[in-house]
Protein backbone atom coordinates (compact mmCIF):
# COMPACT_ATOMS: atom_id res chain seq x y z
CA UNK A 1 122.44 0.97 -242.11
CA UNK A 2 124.68 3.03 -244.45
CA UNK A 3 128.69 2.69 -244.21
CA UNK A 4 130.51 5.16 -242.70
CA UNK A 5 132.14 7.17 -245.28
CA UNK A 6 135.52 8.78 -244.08
CA UNK A 7 135.46 11.86 -243.71
CA UNK A 8 138.13 12.91 -246.24
CA UNK A 9 136.76 11.12 -248.70
CA UNK A 10 132.91 12.66 -248.36
CA UNK A 11 132.27 15.36 -251.61
CA UNK A 12 131.59 18.39 -249.07
CA UNK A 13 135.19 17.81 -247.68
CA UNK A 14 136.51 17.27 -250.92
CA UNK A 15 134.82 20.35 -252.64
CA UNK A 16 135.30 22.57 -250.42
CA UNK A 17 138.98 21.36 -249.86
CA UNK A 18 139.17 22.46 -253.84
CA UNK A 19 137.08 25.95 -253.40
CA UNK A 20 139.68 26.51 -250.27
CA UNK A 21 142.84 25.82 -252.56
CA UNK A 22 141.66 28.40 -255.48
CA UNK A 23 140.39 31.30 -252.73
CA UNK A 24 143.68 30.71 -250.87
CA UNK A 25 145.78 30.51 -254.43
CA UNK A 26 143.94 33.86 -255.26
CA UNK A 27 144.15 35.43 -252.65
CA UNK A 28 147.90 34.87 -252.47
CA UNK A 29 148.33 35.60 -255.98
CA UNK A 30 147.05 38.70 -255.36
CA UNK A 31 148.19 39.75 -252.26
CA UNK A 32 151.81 38.81 -253.74
CA UNK A 33 151.14 41.04 -256.70
CA UNK A 34 149.54 44.05 -254.16
CA UNK A 35 153.20 43.52 -252.14
CA UNK A 36 155.74 43.03 -255.11
CA UNK A 37 153.93 46.38 -257.17
CA UNK A 38 153.64 48.68 -254.13
CA UNK A 39 156.33 47.69 -251.15
CA UNK A 40 158.97 49.72 -253.20
CA UNK A 41 157.22 52.76 -253.43
CA UNK A 42 155.60 52.92 -250.28
CA UNK A 43 158.76 52.25 -248.82
CA UNK A 44 160.23 55.12 -250.76
CA UNK A 45 157.24 57.41 -250.43
CA UNK A 46 156.82 57.04 -246.41
CA UNK A 47 160.92 57.17 -246.21
CA UNK A 48 160.89 60.46 -247.75
CA UNK A 49 157.57 61.64 -246.01
CA UNK A 50 158.56 60.51 -243.00
CA UNK A 51 162.00 62.25 -243.96
CA UNK A 52 159.74 65.79 -244.59
CA UNK A 53 157.92 65.62 -241.76
CA UNK A 54 160.70 65.14 -239.64
CA UNK A 55 162.61 67.79 -240.66
CA UNK A 56 159.62 69.95 -240.38
CA UNK A 57 158.50 68.43 -236.73
CA UNK A 58 162.10 69.54 -235.46
CA UNK A 59 162.17 72.76 -236.96
CA UNK A 60 159.13 73.30 -235.22
CA UNK A 61 159.25 71.39 -232.06
CA UNK A 62 162.49 73.63 -231.29
CA UNK A 63 160.59 76.52 -231.83
CA UNK A 64 157.97 75.65 -229.40
CA UNK A 65 160.41 74.05 -226.90
CA UNK A 66 161.28 77.81 -226.68
CA UNK A 67 158.01 80.33 -227.25
CA UNK A 68 155.16 79.92 -225.82
CA UNK A 69 153.02 81.49 -228.80
CA UNK A 70 152.14 80.26 -232.23
CA UNK A 71 151.30 82.75 -233.05
CA UNK A 72 154.77 84.00 -233.82
CA UNK A 73 155.70 81.18 -235.39
CA UNK A 74 154.52 82.04 -239.17
CA UNK A 75 158.42 83.07 -240.28
CA UNK A 76 159.36 79.31 -239.20
CA UNK A 77 156.75 77.97 -240.59
CA UNK A 78 157.56 79.32 -243.91
CA UNK A 79 161.17 78.31 -243.50
CA UNK A 80 159.98 74.76 -242.88
CA UNK A 81 157.39 74.61 -246.19
CA UNK A 82 160.58 76.38 -248.57
CA UNK A 83 162.73 73.34 -247.36
CA UNK A 84 160.14 70.48 -247.30
CA UNK A 85 158.81 72.04 -250.48
CA UNK A 86 155.15 71.10 -248.61
CA UNK A 87 152.33 73.10 -247.44
CA UNK A 88 153.28 73.65 -244.01
CA UNK A 89 149.83 73.98 -241.01
CA UNK A 90 149.82 74.11 -237.99
CA UNK A 91 146.50 73.32 -235.45
CA UNK A 92 145.16 73.21 -232.29
CA UNK A 93 144.31 70.03 -231.26
CA UNK A 94 140.80 70.53 -232.37
CA UNK A 95 141.75 71.40 -236.01
CA UNK A 96 141.67 75.27 -235.77
CA UNK A 97 143.88 76.70 -237.76
CA UNK A 98 147.12 78.57 -235.95
CA UNK A 99 150.12 78.87 -238.81
CA UNK A 100 149.47 77.97 -242.37
CA UNK A 101 152.27 77.77 -245.14
CA UNK A 102 149.71 78.46 -247.84
CA UNK A 103 147.97 81.37 -246.81
CA UNK A 104 144.02 81.57 -247.52
CA UNK A 105 143.54 79.12 -250.23
CA UNK A 106 141.28 76.18 -249.52
CA UNK A 107 142.29 73.34 -247.27
CA UNK A 108 140.89 70.14 -246.53
CA UNK A 109 142.57 68.15 -243.75
CA UNK A 110 143.42 64.94 -244.02
CA UNK A 111 141.76 62.39 -241.38
CA UNK A 112 145.45 61.53 -239.10
CA UNK A 113 147.82 64.79 -238.92
CA UNK A 114 151.56 63.98 -239.97
CA UNK A 115 152.69 64.77 -236.30
CA UNK A 116 151.61 65.88 -232.66
CA UNK A 117 153.70 69.07 -231.74
CA UNK A 118 154.12 68.84 -227.97
CA UNK A 119 158.00 69.66 -226.41
CA UNK A 120 157.00 68.16 -223.61
CA UNK A 121 155.90 64.33 -225.28
CA UNK A 122 158.36 64.20 -228.18
CA UNK A 123 157.47 61.68 -230.68
CA UNK A 124 160.00 58.92 -230.28
CA UNK A 125 159.67 57.91 -233.79
CA UNK A 126 160.41 61.59 -235.24
CA UNK A 127 163.11 61.73 -232.60
CA UNK A 128 164.83 58.58 -232.05
CA UNK A 129 167.15 60.11 -229.73
CA UNK A 130 165.26 61.84 -227.66
CA UNK A 131 165.39 60.54 -223.78
CA UNK A 132 163.04 57.95 -221.70
CA UNK A 133 161.25 61.24 -220.62
CA UNK A 134 160.35 62.56 -223.80
CA UNK A 135 160.77 65.95 -222.95
CA UNK A 136 162.35 68.33 -225.37
CA UNK A 137 166.20 69.28 -224.35
CA UNK A 138 166.08 72.85 -225.52
CA UNK A 139 162.84 73.29 -223.15
CA UNK A 140 164.61 75.40 -220.69
CA UNK A 141 162.60 77.49 -219.07
CA UNK A 142 163.45 78.87 -216.41
CA UNK A 143 166.65 77.01 -216.94
CA UNK A 144 167.69 79.12 -219.18
CA UNK A 145 171.13 80.85 -217.95
CA UNK A 146 171.27 84.95 -218.34
CA UNK A 147 173.89 86.41 -220.27
CA UNK A 148 176.27 87.20 -217.82
CA UNK A 149 175.91 83.59 -216.25
CA UNK A 150 176.83 82.49 -219.84
CA UNK A 151 180.24 84.76 -219.77
CA UNK A 152 181.44 83.19 -216.63
CA UNK A 153 180.28 80.03 -217.67
CA UNK A 154 182.48 80.25 -220.95
CA UNK A 155 185.49 81.95 -218.91
CA UNK A 156 185.77 79.17 -216.02
CA UNK A 157 185.30 76.21 -218.71
CA UNK A 158 188.41 78.19 -220.75
CA UNK A 159 190.09 77.60 -217.93
CA UNK A 160 189.32 74.26 -216.48
CA UNK A 161 189.96 72.97 -220.59
CA UNK A 162 193.59 74.98 -220.38
CA UNK A 163 194.42 73.29 -216.97
CA UNK A 164 193.43 69.76 -218.46
CA UNK A 165 195.61 70.18 -221.74
CA UNK A 166 198.62 70.91 -219.81
CA UNK A 167 197.80 67.89 -217.49
CA UNK A 168 197.53 65.82 -220.98
CA UNK A 169 193.86 64.30 -219.83
CA UNK A 170 191.45 64.07 -223.04
CA UNK A 171 188.15 65.60 -222.37
CA UNK A 172 184.70 66.55 -224.42
CA UNK A 173 183.11 69.66 -224.06
CA UNK A 174 179.31 70.38 -225.12
CA UNK A 175 177.27 73.70 -224.51
CA UNK A 176 173.70 73.27 -223.20
CA UNK A 177 170.72 74.77 -224.56
CA UNK A 178 170.57 76.50 -221.65
CA UNK A 179 173.91 78.20 -221.97
CA UNK A 180 176.16 75.77 -219.18
CA UNK A 181 178.82 74.53 -220.49
CA UNK A 182 179.91 70.68 -219.34
CA UNK A 183 182.91 69.16 -219.46
CA UNK A 184 183.54 65.60 -219.79
CA UNK A 185 186.66 63.36 -219.64
CA UNK A 186 186.49 61.73 -223.20
CA UNK A 187 185.79 57.60 -223.36
CA UNK A 188 188.41 55.36 -221.45
CA UNK A 189 189.46 57.58 -219.00
CA UNK A 190 188.11 57.79 -215.71
CA UNK A 191 190.35 59.56 -213.40
CA UNK A 192 188.19 62.09 -211.80
CA UNK A 193 190.36 63.90 -209.02
CA UNK A 194 192.11 65.39 -211.91
CA UNK A 195 188.98 66.37 -213.78
CA UNK A 196 187.91 67.97 -210.41
CA UNK A 197 191.93 69.58 -209.48
CA UNK A 198 191.39 71.64 -212.74
CA UNK A 199 189.00 73.45 -211.27
CA UNK A 200 185.85 71.13 -212.60
CA UNK A 201 183.65 71.40 -209.54
CA UNK A 202 183.55 75.61 -209.41
CA UNK A 203 182.45 74.82 -213.64
CA UNK A 204 179.37 72.09 -212.17
CA UNK A 205 178.04 74.85 -209.29
CA UNK A 206 174.54 75.68 -210.30
CA UNK A 207 173.99 79.24 -210.87
CA UNK A 208 172.11 82.00 -209.75
CA UNK A 209 169.25 81.49 -212.04
CA UNK A 210 169.56 77.61 -211.94
CA UNK A 211 169.16 77.59 -208.03
CA UNK A 212 165.96 79.48 -208.12
CA UNK A 213 164.65 77.15 -211.04
CA UNK A 214 165.63 74.16 -208.83
CA UNK A 215 163.66 75.03 -205.94
CA UNK A 216 160.92 75.59 -207.75
CA UNK A 217 160.88 72.20 -209.47
CA UNK A 218 161.80 70.69 -206.10
CA UNK A 219 158.69 72.51 -204.12
CA UNK A 220 156.32 71.19 -207.48
CA UNK A 221 158.20 67.72 -206.73
CA UNK A 222 157.78 67.29 -203.22
CA UNK A 223 153.77 68.11 -203.49
CA UNK A 224 153.30 65.36 -206.13
CA UNK A 225 155.43 62.91 -203.44
CA UNK A 226 153.29 64.17 -200.78
CA UNK A 227 150.10 62.91 -202.55
CA UNK A 228 151.24 60.14 -203.26
CA UNK A 229 151.94 59.18 -199.91
CA UNK A 230 156.01 59.38 -200.60
CA UNK A 231 159.00 60.07 -198.80
CA UNK A 232 159.98 63.92 -199.49
CA UNK A 233 163.23 64.13 -201.94
CA UNK A 234 165.12 66.73 -204.14
CA UNK A 235 166.37 67.06 -207.35
CA UNK A 236 169.95 68.47 -208.55
CA UNK A 237 170.93 69.62 -212.47
CA UNK A 238 170.88 66.27 -213.19
CA UNK A 239 167.20 65.96 -212.28
CA UNK A 240 168.08 62.21 -210.59
CA UNK A 241 166.43 62.19 -207.08
CA UNK A 242 168.48 61.73 -203.86
CA UNK A 243 170.18 58.35 -202.96
CA UNK A 244 167.76 56.29 -201.54
CA UNK A 245 164.44 57.69 -202.99
CA UNK A 246 165.60 57.12 -206.58
CA UNK A 247 161.79 54.85 -207.33
CA UNK A 248 160.11 54.42 -210.58
CA UNK A 249 157.51 56.78 -208.46
CA UNK A 250 159.73 59.16 -207.78
CA UNK A 251 161.05 59.37 -211.13
CA UNK A 252 157.15 59.90 -211.97
CA UNK A 253 156.82 62.69 -210.21
CA UNK A 254 160.35 64.27 -211.34
CA UNK A 255 158.63 64.08 -214.83
CA UNK A 256 155.43 65.54 -213.64
CA UNK A 257 156.63 68.31 -212.11
CA UNK A 258 159.55 69.48 -214.83
CA UNK A 259 156.48 69.09 -217.17
CA UNK A 260 154.37 71.80 -215.11
CA UNK A 261 157.48 73.60 -214.35
CA UNK A 262 158.30 74.26 -218.59
CA UNK A 263 154.24 74.37 -218.93
CA UNK A 264 154.24 78.23 -219.10
CA UNK A 265 157.76 78.37 -221.19
CA UNK A 266 156.77 76.47 -224.19
CA UNK A 267 153.86 76.46 -227.09
CA UNK A 268 150.86 74.48 -225.99
CA UNK A 269 150.58 71.15 -227.83
CA UNK A 270 149.27 71.19 -231.25
CA UNK A 271 148.56 69.32 -234.86
CA UNK A 272 151.04 69.00 -237.54
CA UNK A 273 150.15 68.66 -240.92
CA UNK A 274 153.11 68.23 -244.20
CA UNK A 275 150.44 68.89 -247.58
CA UNK A 276 151.22 68.02 -251.24
CA UNK A 277 151.18 71.65 -252.13
CA UNK A 278 149.52 70.58 -255.64
CA UNK A 279 146.64 68.82 -253.70
CA UNK A 280 146.10 70.20 -250.41
CA UNK A 281 146.13 66.73 -249.01
CA UNK A 282 148.58 64.20 -247.59
CA UNK A 283 150.53 61.71 -249.92
CA UNK A 284 148.21 59.15 -251.32
CA UNK A 285 149.57 56.78 -253.34
CA UNK A 286 147.79 54.95 -256.38
CA UNK A 287 149.42 51.88 -258.81
CA UNK A 288 150.94 52.97 -262.53
CA UNK A 289 149.62 51.20 -265.57
CA UNK A 290 151.98 48.30 -265.27
CA UNK A 291 150.64 47.73 -262.11
CA UNK A 292 147.28 47.08 -263.06
CA UNK A 293 148.50 44.85 -265.99
CA UNK A 294 149.82 42.72 -263.85
CA UNK A 295 146.96 42.58 -261.98
CA UNK A 296 145.00 41.70 -264.58
CA UNK A 297 147.00 38.87 -265.63
CA UNK A 298 147.18 37.09 -262.54
CA UNK A 299 143.28 37.77 -262.32
CA UNK A 300 142.62 35.71 -265.69
CA UNK A 301 145.43 33.59 -264.48
CA UNK A 302 143.79 32.89 -261.33
CA UNK A 303 140.53 32.40 -263.14
CA UNK A 304 141.87 30.12 -265.37
CA UNK A 305 143.24 28.04 -263.17
CA UNK A 306 140.06 27.62 -261.36
CA UNK A 307 138.07 26.93 -264.53
CA UNK A 308 140.36 23.82 -265.40
CA UNK A 309 140.14 22.58 -261.74
CA UNK A 310 136.37 22.79 -262.01
CA UNK A 311 136.33 20.92 -265.34
CA UNK A 312 138.98 18.18 -263.95
CA UNK A 313 136.34 18.01 -260.63
CA UNK A 314 133.19 17.71 -262.56
CA UNK A 315 134.81 14.98 -265.23
CA UNK A 316 135.42 12.72 -262.41
CA UNK A 317 132.41 13.53 -260.45
CA UNK A 318 130.16 12.89 -263.07
CA UNK A 319 131.87 10.02 -264.67
CA UNK A 320 130.83 7.66 -262.27
CA UNK A 321 127.28 9.42 -262.33
CA UNK A 322 127.03 8.43 -266.18
CA UNK A 323 127.62 5.08 -264.96
CA UNK A 324 125.15 4.33 -262.86
CA UNK A 325 122.77 5.88 -264.99
CA UNK A 326 123.45 3.65 -268.19
CA UNK A 327 122.98 0.99 -265.38
CA UNK A 328 119.65 2.34 -264.45
CA UNK A 329 118.64 2.48 -268.00
CA UNK A 330 120.18 -1.25 -268.46
CA UNK A 331 118.46 -2.62 -265.43
CA UNK A 332 121.67 -4.01 -264.05
CA UNK A 333 123.97 -3.88 -261.31
CA UNK A 334 126.28 -0.70 -261.87
CA UNK A 335 129.80 -0.34 -261.11
CA UNK A 336 131.14 0.97 -257.80
CA UNK A 337 134.51 2.72 -258.49
CA UNK A 338 134.72 5.43 -255.74
CA UNK A 339 134.62 5.27 -251.90
CA UNK A 340 132.79 8.58 -251.30
CA UNK A 341 128.71 9.27 -251.33
CA UNK A 342 128.42 8.40 -254.72
CA UNK A 343 130.43 5.14 -254.45
CA UNK A 344 127.47 4.65 -251.85
CA UNK A 345 124.76 5.47 -254.08
CA UNK A 346 125.88 3.09 -256.63
CA UNK A 347 125.97 0.34 -253.47
CA UNK A 348 122.20 1.17 -253.01
CA UNK A 349 121.54 1.14 -256.19
CA UNK A 350 122.69 -2.46 -256.65
CA UNK A 351 121.19 -3.06 -253.38
CA UNK A 352 117.58 -2.01 -254.34
CA UNK A 353 118.57 -4.41 -257.23
CA UNK A 354 119.13 -7.21 -255.61
CA UNK A 355 116.33 -6.25 -253.42
CA UNK A 356 113.79 -6.43 -256.18
CA UNK A 357 115.25 -9.37 -257.40
CA UNK A 358 114.77 -10.74 -254.09
CA UNK A 359 111.13 -9.48 -253.88
CA UNK A 360 110.22 -11.21 -256.95
CA UNK A 361 111.60 -14.71 -256.13
CA UNK A 362 109.76 -14.11 -252.70
CA UNK A 363 107.10 -13.01 -254.40
CA UNK A 364 107.00 -16.32 -256.62
CA UNK A 365 107.51 -18.61 -253.79
CA UNK A 366 104.82 -16.81 -251.82
CA UNK A 367 102.25 -17.04 -254.87
CA UNK A 368 103.42 -21.13 -255.43
CA UNK A 369 102.97 -21.55 -251.12
CA UNK A 370 99.50 -19.44 -251.20
CA UNK A 371 98.88 -21.99 -254.10
CA UNK A 372 100.28 -24.99 -252.53
CA UNK A 373 98.53 -24.53 -248.95
CA UNK A 374 94.58 -24.30 -251.04
CA UNK A 375 95.56 -26.19 -253.07
CA UNK A 376 95.54 -29.21 -249.94
CA UNK A 377 92.06 -29.02 -248.47
CA UNK A 378 90.58 -27.92 -251.72
CA UNK A 379 92.10 -31.35 -252.86
CA UNK A 380 90.60 -33.23 -250.10
CA UNK A 381 86.97 -31.33 -250.25
CA UNK A 382 86.90 -32.45 -254.11
CA UNK A 383 88.47 -35.88 -253.54
CA UNK A 384 85.20 -36.99 -250.65
CA UNK A 385 82.55 -34.73 -252.86
CA UNK A 386 83.96 -36.45 -256.39
CA UNK A 387 83.80 -40.29 -254.50
CA UNK A 388 80.23 -39.21 -252.96
CA UNK A 389 79.24 -38.36 -256.46
CA UNK A 390 80.98 -41.61 -257.97
CA UNK A 391 78.71 -43.65 -255.12
CA UNK A 392 81.97 -44.71 -253.30
CA UNK A 393 81.17 -42.75 -250.36
CA UNK A 394 78.47 -42.50 -248.11
CA UNK A 395 77.10 -38.31 -247.62
CA UNK A 396 77.09 -38.99 -243.80
CA UNK A 397 77.90 -36.82 -240.94
CA UNK A 398 81.70 -38.16 -240.70
CA UNK A 399 81.46 -36.29 -244.59
CA UNK A 400 80.26 -33.41 -243.59
CA UNK A 401 82.60 -33.01 -240.89
CA UNK A 402 85.29 -33.26 -242.67
CA UNK A 403 84.67 -30.87 -245.42
CA UNK A 404 83.54 -28.66 -242.52
CA UNK A 405 87.51 -28.75 -241.15
CA UNK A 406 88.73 -28.27 -244.48
CA UNK A 407 86.89 -25.43 -245.16
CA UNK A 408 87.28 -23.91 -241.54
CA UNK A 409 91.20 -24.54 -242.47
CA UNK A 410 91.19 -22.71 -245.95
CA UNK A 411 88.80 -19.83 -244.44
CA UNK A 412 91.87 -19.54 -241.73
CA UNK A 413 94.22 -19.45 -244.18
CA UNK A 414 92.42 -16.23 -246.08
CA UNK A 415 91.94 -14.87 -242.43
CA UNK A 416 95.72 -14.78 -241.99
CA UNK A 417 96.60 -13.70 -245.32
CA UNK A 418 94.07 -10.96 -244.96
CA UNK A 419 95.69 -10.05 -241.92
CA UNK A 420 99.38 -9.99 -243.22
CA UNK A 421 98.26 -8.06 -246.40
CA UNK A 422 97.14 -5.48 -244.17
CA UNK A 423 100.10 -5.23 -241.46
CA UNK A 424 102.18 -4.86 -245.09
CA UNK A 425 99.79 -2.30 -246.00
CA UNK A 426 99.75 -0.27 -242.63
CA UNK A 427 96.30 -0.99 -242.33
CA UNK A 428 95.84 -3.12 -239.72
CA UNK A 429 93.80 -1.52 -237.31
CA UNK A 430 93.84 -1.45 -233.35
CA UNK A 431 91.49 -0.57 -231.01
CA UNK A 432 93.89 -0.22 -227.60
CA UNK A 433 92.25 -0.23 -224.23
CA UNK A 434 93.71 -0.79 -220.76
CA UNK A 435 93.89 -4.37 -220.06
CA UNK A 436 94.85 -6.67 -217.02
CA UNK A 437 97.72 -9.10 -218.93
CA UNK A 438 96.14 -11.52 -216.71
CA UNK A 439 92.61 -11.51 -218.23
CA UNK A 440 94.38 -12.49 -221.72
CA UNK A 441 96.51 -15.18 -219.97
CA UNK A 442 93.72 -16.91 -218.51
CA UNK A 443 91.23 -16.40 -221.26
CA UNK A 444 93.84 -17.62 -223.83
CA UNK A 445 94.54 -20.85 -221.72
CA UNK A 446 90.85 -21.58 -221.22
CA UNK A 447 90.30 -21.02 -224.86
CA UNK A 448 93.27 -24.01 -226.03
CA UNK A 449 93.15 -26.34 -222.94
CA UNK A 450 89.75 -27.61 -224.01
CA UNK A 451 91.51 -28.84 -227.25
CA UNK A 452 94.71 -29.17 -226.84
CA UNK A 453 96.77 -32.27 -226.37
CA UNK A 454 99.58 -31.38 -223.84
CA UNK A 455 99.54 -30.23 -220.77
CA UNK A 456 98.61 -26.46 -220.34
CA UNK A 457 98.59 -24.33 -217.52
CA UNK A 458 99.05 -20.48 -216.95
CA UNK A 459 100.48 -18.07 -214.57
CA UNK A 460 100.39 -14.29 -214.10
CA UNK A 461 102.90 -12.34 -211.71
CA UNK A 462 101.65 -9.51 -210.01
CA UNK A 463 99.33 -7.17 -212.28
CA UNK A 464 100.65 -5.88 -215.06
CA UNK A 465 98.64 -3.59 -216.88
CA UNK A 466 98.69 -2.69 -221.06
CA UNK A 467 97.19 -0.53 -223.07
CA UNK A 468 96.55 -3.04 -226.12
CA UNK A 469 93.77 -4.64 -228.70
CA UNK A 470 92.15 -7.33 -226.56
CA UNK A 471 90.96 -9.16 -229.71
CA UNK A 472 94.13 -8.81 -231.21
CA UNK A 473 96.64 -9.40 -228.60
CA UNK A 474 94.17 -13.12 -227.61
CA UNK A 475 95.24 -13.82 -231.31
CA UNK A 476 98.89 -13.14 -231.73
CA UNK A 477 98.97 -15.23 -227.89
CA UNK A 478 96.78 -18.12 -229.20
CA UNK A 479 98.73 -18.77 -232.34
CA UNK A 480 101.72 -19.09 -229.87
CA UNK A 481 99.82 -21.48 -227.61
CA UNK A 482 98.60 -23.03 -230.51
CA UNK A 483 102.04 -23.75 -232.43
CA UNK A 484 103.89 -24.94 -229.16
CA UNK A 485 100.61 -27.25 -228.57
CA UNK A 486 101.30 -28.91 -232.52
CA UNK A 487 104.59 -29.38 -231.72
CA UNK A 488 104.51 -30.29 -227.73
CA UNK A 489 103.53 -34.55 -227.49
CA UNK A 490 100.69 -35.51 -225.20
CA UNK A 491 102.99 -36.60 -222.14
CA UNK A 492 104.73 -32.74 -222.65
CA UNK A 493 103.40 -29.74 -221.35
CA UNK A 494 103.29 -26.22 -222.35
CA UNK A 495 103.48 -22.95 -219.88
CA UNK A 496 102.08 -19.89 -220.40
CA UNK A 497 103.38 -16.87 -218.22
CA UNK A 498 103.02 -12.90 -217.70
CA UNK A 499 105.01 -10.81 -215.54
CA UNK A 500 106.21 -7.38 -215.05
CA UNK A 501 110.08 -6.55 -215.72
CA UNK A 502 110.83 -2.68 -215.79
CA UNK A 503 108.87 -0.89 -217.97
CA UNK A 504 107.75 -3.66 -219.84
CA UNK A 505 105.08 -6.37 -219.61
CA UNK A 506 106.77 -9.59 -220.64
CA UNK A 507 105.25 -12.64 -221.86
CA UNK A 508 106.53 -16.23 -222.47
CA UNK A 509 105.33 -19.28 -224.09
CA UNK A 510 107.66 -22.58 -223.53
CA UNK A 511 106.49 -26.30 -224.10
CA UNK A 512 108.82 -29.45 -223.94
CA UNK A 513 108.67 -30.46 -227.88
CA UNK A 514 111.64 -31.54 -229.92
CA UNK A 515 112.68 -27.62 -229.91
CA UNK A 516 113.75 -25.51 -232.54
CA UNK A 517 117.41 -26.43 -234.69
CA UNK A 518 119.53 -23.08 -234.56
CA UNK A 519 119.72 -22.99 -238.13
CA UNK A 520 116.37 -22.58 -238.34
CA UNK A 521 115.41 -20.06 -235.49
CA UNK A 522 115.83 -16.80 -238.10
CA UNK A 523 113.52 -17.73 -240.05
CA UNK A 524 110.48 -19.07 -237.76
CA UNK A 525 108.81 -15.83 -238.21
CA UNK A 526 109.29 -15.94 -241.99
CA UNK A 527 105.84 -16.41 -243.90
CA UNK A 528 104.83 -20.03 -245.25
CA UNK A 529 108.62 -21.26 -243.44
CA UNK A 530 108.14 -24.74 -241.72
CA UNK A 531 110.72 -27.02 -240.52
CA UNK A 532 108.72 -30.09 -241.94
CA UNK A 533 110.67 -29.40 -245.44
CA UNK A 534 108.24 -32.12 -246.94
CA UNK A 535 105.27 -29.84 -246.28
CA UNK A 536 103.62 -32.67 -244.09
CA UNK A 537 100.76 -31.56 -243.23
CA UNK A 538 100.62 -34.06 -239.70
CA UNK A 539 100.97 -30.74 -237.51
CA UNK A 540 98.49 -28.73 -239.40
CA UNK A 541 100.30 -25.76 -239.57
CA UNK A 542 100.28 -23.39 -242.38
CA UNK A 543 103.41 -20.83 -241.98
CA UNK A 544 101.31 -17.36 -241.28
CA UNK A 545 100.91 -17.76 -237.48
CA UNK A 546 103.86 -16.99 -236.51
CA UNK A 547 104.16 -14.09 -238.80
CA UNK A 548 101.29 -12.47 -237.92
CA UNK A 549 102.21 -12.81 -233.86
CA UNK A 550 105.48 -10.94 -235.16
CA UNK A 551 103.20 -8.03 -237.00
CA UNK A 552 100.08 -7.80 -234.16
CA UNK A 553 103.24 -7.55 -231.34
CA UNK A 554 104.97 -4.92 -233.24
CA UNK A 555 101.64 -2.85 -233.91
CA UNK A 556 101.33 -2.72 -230.22
CA UNK A 557 105.19 -0.94 -230.05
CA UNK A 558 106.60 -4.81 -228.76
CA UNK A 559 109.02 -7.33 -229.97
CA UNK A 560 108.33 -11.18 -230.13
CA UNK A 561 111.92 -13.54 -229.96
CA UNK A 562 112.34 -17.26 -230.19
CA UNK A 563 114.93 -19.57 -228.46
CA UNK A 564 115.29 -23.18 -228.36
CA UNK A 565 117.05 -24.04 -224.70
CA UNK A 566 115.16 -27.30 -224.64
CA UNK A 567 112.38 -27.16 -226.30
CA UNK A 568 110.98 -23.87 -227.37
CA UNK A 569 110.15 -20.56 -225.81
CA UNK A 570 108.60 -17.99 -227.51
CA UNK A 571 109.04 -14.35 -225.91
CA UNK A 572 106.35 -11.35 -226.22
CA UNK A 573 107.68 -7.82 -224.65
CA UNK A 574 105.22 -4.95 -224.43
CA UNK A 575 104.93 -1.84 -223.07
CA UNK A 576 103.35 -1.48 -219.57
CA UNK A 577 101.14 1.08 -218.67
CA UNK A 578 101.15 0.65 -214.88
CA UNK A 579 99.75 4.00 -214.17
CA UNK A 580 96.73 3.33 -215.14
CA UNK A 581 93.57 1.55 -212.85
CA UNK A 582 91.48 -0.82 -214.12
């Protein structure tokens, strides 16, 4: 199993991190350059453009607040153009020209207008001190006083100020766009009684024109409140609803009614374009030569840093790779200097080297074991035949029986080696079919009971069904039983049990022999391995039976294990096919 490499040490993460750092550095450098080289120009140009637009906007907004038609604004637009040094164009909301200071010169309008001129919805960015209702105070409409009313306002204001001056009262006088004069106490003075003593109440009383306009406004307000299911209310010259009805909804109706009343007295909304007279376009910003030079230098610096970083990374990565290549050429272990994928590759290479050496050693041992296993029966056959030839032994049935037994042993060893070779090559052929496990157990027990010395019994719980090759399965189970009988004394017992457990069919072979040493358990399925280190042949084993069992069981998709709880216990687990009916 491959070792788990910490995520931060993986090549992907490291290369990604370096790439991200380079990208961030280049983006940051480019962004810094763009900001530092253009911020000042943008701020200056934006400030100048906003100032020009605000001036033109305020002039034309005042015109629109007092005139219902844009057709009379030619002189006003010309004056605004002259003051700003820009071409001024007023169009409808769908960009149809209304008034143009540039005459009939070709025109290409920018994507966005400089502003929208609407005295009933003033742009708070261009006119920051506009009230919350955003209605231009110059849009007086029906509240505009007549000349006589303005003269009366001036007369009353003169009397009030004369009185206040005589009493030592500080005050402020302001004339509203409607012609009304408003007198208020100076900051810090709050004696309203002295103000009204001088006739301020008469000055503040609505005129005939204002009463008519207020009546119209209150009718519109009443209709709005009624549509929204709100209680009736009324406003005075301060446009504040009566006490108890000053809510957000009522104020919304006041604003709506006021705009509805003034709509007939102001010009319709229009788009304002303040253009460069040379290009007939909006203001455009471009970098100068020094800006482009700075950009080029920063780009070159970023490229140089990126190249140095990549050279450094590639050299660090190629160093262990070169060591690995040299080790492969010299057929020796590679140095492990990193803990990333390259380090793991070096470890894997070293493991392959160790495994190859181990396999070479196993191959040499296996050749020696095969020679040893074949030599013993061949020596027996040769010795007997040489004795017959020399006249030392008679050629009788006893001798023929001995030679036949040794020949059969040779045949069994060769057959076992062929099975193992086929298993190693993946050419072990199986002919699977549905089988009752009880049939396999009965056949193996019956066959080995006749030749065994120990007591052999078999039993099957239930009737498990498996899909297997009957001959190969009998061979595997027969090898386990033979092995148990060889290591069990004549007074002992060998028990074969089969049963179903979950989705598996289980076969156990238990004997009452001396058991297996715990240190030997991991090796019982190794080829030519025997607990008898002296290779004495009194047990008759070749060391190939259990390895064949393991290959046959695994070829059926199962597993085999060995234990020694007192005697030896071998457990075979095979996939179960309980749904089959045979």
